[in-house]
Amino acid sequence: MFDTLDKLWKELQKNVQKANVRAIGRAINQNTVANKNKVEKAVGEALKIANGSLKNTRVSLQQSVKGQFGKKVTEVFEQQQQTLDDF
């Protein structure tokens, strides 16, 4: 009788430990997803700011620098903007 109770007790402890491990795993997974979403949002905002700065700089340079050099500079800034958009 005591052997049966001992086996049941050990099985119960084992099941409780498994449940605890699962709960911890789920909590870590949820935390990871939340952190990933925060990072993606921060990166998106940073990309918008960088892209806006590039656009403003490109427009300013386009108005200030004329000729072939101005066209090349404008091209480079447009390429950088496209790279940020693709990112």
C-alpha atoms as a PDB file:
ATOM      1  CA  MET A   1       0.000   0.000   0.000  1.00  0.00           C
ATOM      2  CA  PHE A   2       2.784   2.402   0.888  1.00  0.00           C
ATOM      3  CA  ASP A   3       4.580   1.493  -2.317  1.00  0.00           C
ATOM      4  CA  THR A   4       1.512   2.435  -4.327  1.00  0.00           C
ATOM      5  CA  LEU A   5       1.118   5.702  -2.438  1.00  0.00           C
ATOM      6  CA  ASP A   6       4.811   6.442  -2.888  1.00  0.00           C
ATOM      7  CA  LYS A   7       4.572   5.799  -6.639  1.00  0.00           C
ATOM      8  CA  LEU A   8       1.506   8.021  -6.911  1.00  0.00           C
ATOM      9  CA  TRP A   9       3.214  10.762  -4.904  1.00  0.00           C
ATOM     10  CA  LYS A  10       6.317  10.637  -7.133  1.00  0.00           C
ATOM     11  CA  GLU A  11       4.156  10.666 -10.260  1.00  0.00           C
ATOM     12  CA  LEU A  12       2.242  13.668  -8.944  1.00  0.00           C
ATOM     13  CA  GLN A  13       5.485  15.525  -8.209  1.00  0.00           C
ATOM     14  CA  LYS A  14       6.769  14.691 -11.678  1.00  0.00           C
ATOM     15  CA  ASN A  15       3.571  15.999 -13.298  1.00  0.00           C
ATOM     16  CA  VAL A  16       3.722  19.184 -11.221  1.00  0.00           C
ATOM     17  CA  GLN A  17       7.318  19.758 -12.329  1.00  0.00           C
ATOM     18  CA  LYS A  18       6.332  19.223 -15.969  1.00  0.00           C
ATOM     19  CA  ALA A  19       3.496  21.723 -15.606  1.00  0.00           C
ATOM     20  CA  ASN A  20       5.873  24.249 -14.036  1.00  0.00           C
ATOM     21  CA  VAL A  21       8.373  23.843 -16.865  1.00  0.00           C
ATOM     22  CA  ARG A  22       5.619  24.314 -19.461  1.00  0.00           C
ATOM     23  CA  ALA A  23       4.355  27.436 -17.699  1.00  0.00           C
ATOM     24  CA  ILE A  24       7.849  28.913 -17.545  1.00  0.00           C
ATOM     25  CA  GLY A  25       8.408  28.083 -21.218  1.00  0.00           C
ATOM     26  CA  ARG A  26       5.172  29.792 -22.230  1.00  0.00           C
ATOM     27  CA  ALA A  27       6.018  32.869 -20.166  1.00  0.00           C
ATOM     28  CA  ILE A  28       9.462  33.111 -21.746  1.00  0.00           C
ATOM     29  CA  ASN A  29       7.961  32.672 -25.207  1.00  0.00           C
ATOM     30  CA  GLN A  30       5.416  35.448 -24.602  1.00  0.00           C
ATOM     31  CA  ASN A  31       8.155  37.721 -23.288  1.00  0.00           C
ATOM     32  CA  THR A  32      10.290  37.004 -26.347  1.00  0.00           C
ATOM     33  CA  VAL A  33       7.423  37.823 -28.707  1.00  0.00           C
ATOM     34  CA  ALA A  34       6.700  41.061 -26.837  1.00  0.00           C
ATOM     35  CA  ASN A  35      10.367  42.092 -26.999  1.00  0.00           C
ATOM     36  CA  LYS A  36      10.529  41.246 -30.692  1.00  0.00           C
ATOM     37  CA  ASN A  37       7.490  43.429 -31.367  1.00  0.00           C
ATOM     38  CA  LYS A  38       9.042  46.317 -29.418  1.00  0.00           C
ATOM     39  CA  VAL A  39      12.267  46.051 -31.404  1.00  0.00           C
ATOM     40  CA  GLU A  40      10.434  45.883 -34.737  1.00  0.00           C
ATOM     41  CA  LYS A  41       8.426  48.976 -33.814  1.00  0.00           C
ATOM     42  CA  ALA A  42      11.545  50.882 -32.733  1.00  0.00           C
ATOM     43  CA  VAL A  43      13.386  49.903 -35.910  1.00  0.00           C
ATOM     44  CA  GLY A  44      10.423  50.971 -38.036  1.00  0.00           C
ATOM     45  CA  GLU A  45      10.334  54.372 -36.364  1.00  0.00           C
ATOM     46  CA  ALA A  46      14.100  54.795 -36.729  1.00  0.00           C
ATOM     47  CA  LEU A  47      13.878  53.896 -40.422  1.00  0.00           C
ATOM     48  CA  LYS A  48      11.128  56.479 -40.949  1.00  0.00           C
ATOM     49  CA  ILE A  49      13.226  59.162 -39.265  1.00  0.00           C
ATOM     50  CA  ALA A  50      16.343  58.227 -41.241  1.00  0.00           C
ATOM     51  CA  ASN A  51      14.400  58.132 -44.497  1.00  0.00           C
ATOM     52  CA  GLY A  52      12.875  61.544 -43.774  1.00  0.00           C
ATOM     53  CA  SER A  53      16.301  62.983 -43.021  1.00  0.00           C
ATOM     54  CA  LEU A  54      17.693  61.577 -46.248  1.00  0.00           C
ATOM     55  CA  LYS A  55      14.801  63.045 -48.196  1.00  0.00           C
ATOM     56  CA  ASN A  56      15.257  66.479 -46.629  1.00  0.00           C
ATOM     57  CA  THR A  57      19.003  66.389 -47.242  1.00  0.00           C
ATOM     58  CA  ARG A  58      18.497  65.248 -50.822  1.00  0.00           C
ATOM     59  CA  VAL A  59      16.042  68.065 -51.524  1.00  0.00           C
ATOM     60  CA  SER A  60      18.338  70.649 -49.927  1.00  0.00           C
ATOM     61  CA  LEU A  61      21.357  69.438 -51.854  1.00  0.00           C
ATOM     62  CA  GLN A  62      19.372  69.235 -55.058  1.00  0.00           C
ATOM     63  CA  GLN A  63      18.482  72.902 -54.700  1.00  0.00           C
ATOM     64  CA  SER A  64      21.999  73.931 -53.639  1.00  0.00           C
ATOM     65  CA  VAL A  65      24.251  71.848 -55.856  1.00  0.00           C
ATOM     66  CA  LYS A  66      23.665  72.073 -59.567  1.00  0.00           C
ATOM     67  CA  GLY A  67      25.165  70.291 -62.524  1.00  0.00           C
ATOM     68  CA  GLN A  68      26.478  66.775 -62.928  1.00  0.00           C
ATOM     69  CA  PHE A  69      27.736  66.539 -59.344  1.00  0.00           C
ATOM     70  CA  GLY A  70      24.329  67.555 -58.020  1.00  0.00           C
ATOM     71  CA  LYS A  71      22.675  64.853 -60.110  1.00  0.00           C
ATOM     72  CA  LYS A  72      25.086  62.207 -58.806  1.00  0.00           C
ATOM     73  CA  VAL A  73      24.563  63.275 -55.206  1.00  0.00           C
ATOM     74  CA  THR A  74      20.797  63.214 -55.708  1.00  0.00           C
ATOM     75  CA  GLU A  75      21.069  59.736 -57.245  1.00  0.00           C
ATOM     76  CA  VAL A  76      23.063  58.443 -54.295  1.00  0.00           C
ATOM     77  CA  PHE A  77      20.556  59.812 -51.804  1.00  0.00           C
ATOM     78  CA  GLU A  78      17.672  58.314 -53.776  1.00  0.00           C
ATOM     79  CA  GLN A  79      19.433  54.940 -53.731  1.00  0.00           C
ATOM     80  CA  GLN A  80      19.937  55.221 -49.982  1.00  0.00           C
ATOM     81  CA  GLN A  81      16.264  56.049 -49.519  1.00  0.00           C
ATOM     82  CA  GLN A  82      15.310  53.033 -51.610  1.00  0.00           C
ATOM     83  CA  THR A  83      17.621  50.834 -49.553  1.00  0.00           C
ATOM     84  CA  LEU A  84      15.949  52.020 -46.352  1.00  0.00           C
ATOM     85  CA  ASP A  85      12.503  51.468 -47.863  1.00  0.00           C
ATOM     86  CA  ASP A  86      13.468  47.918 -48.838  1.00  0.00           C
ATOM     87  CA  PHE A  87      14.871  47.243 -45.388  1.00  0.00           C
END
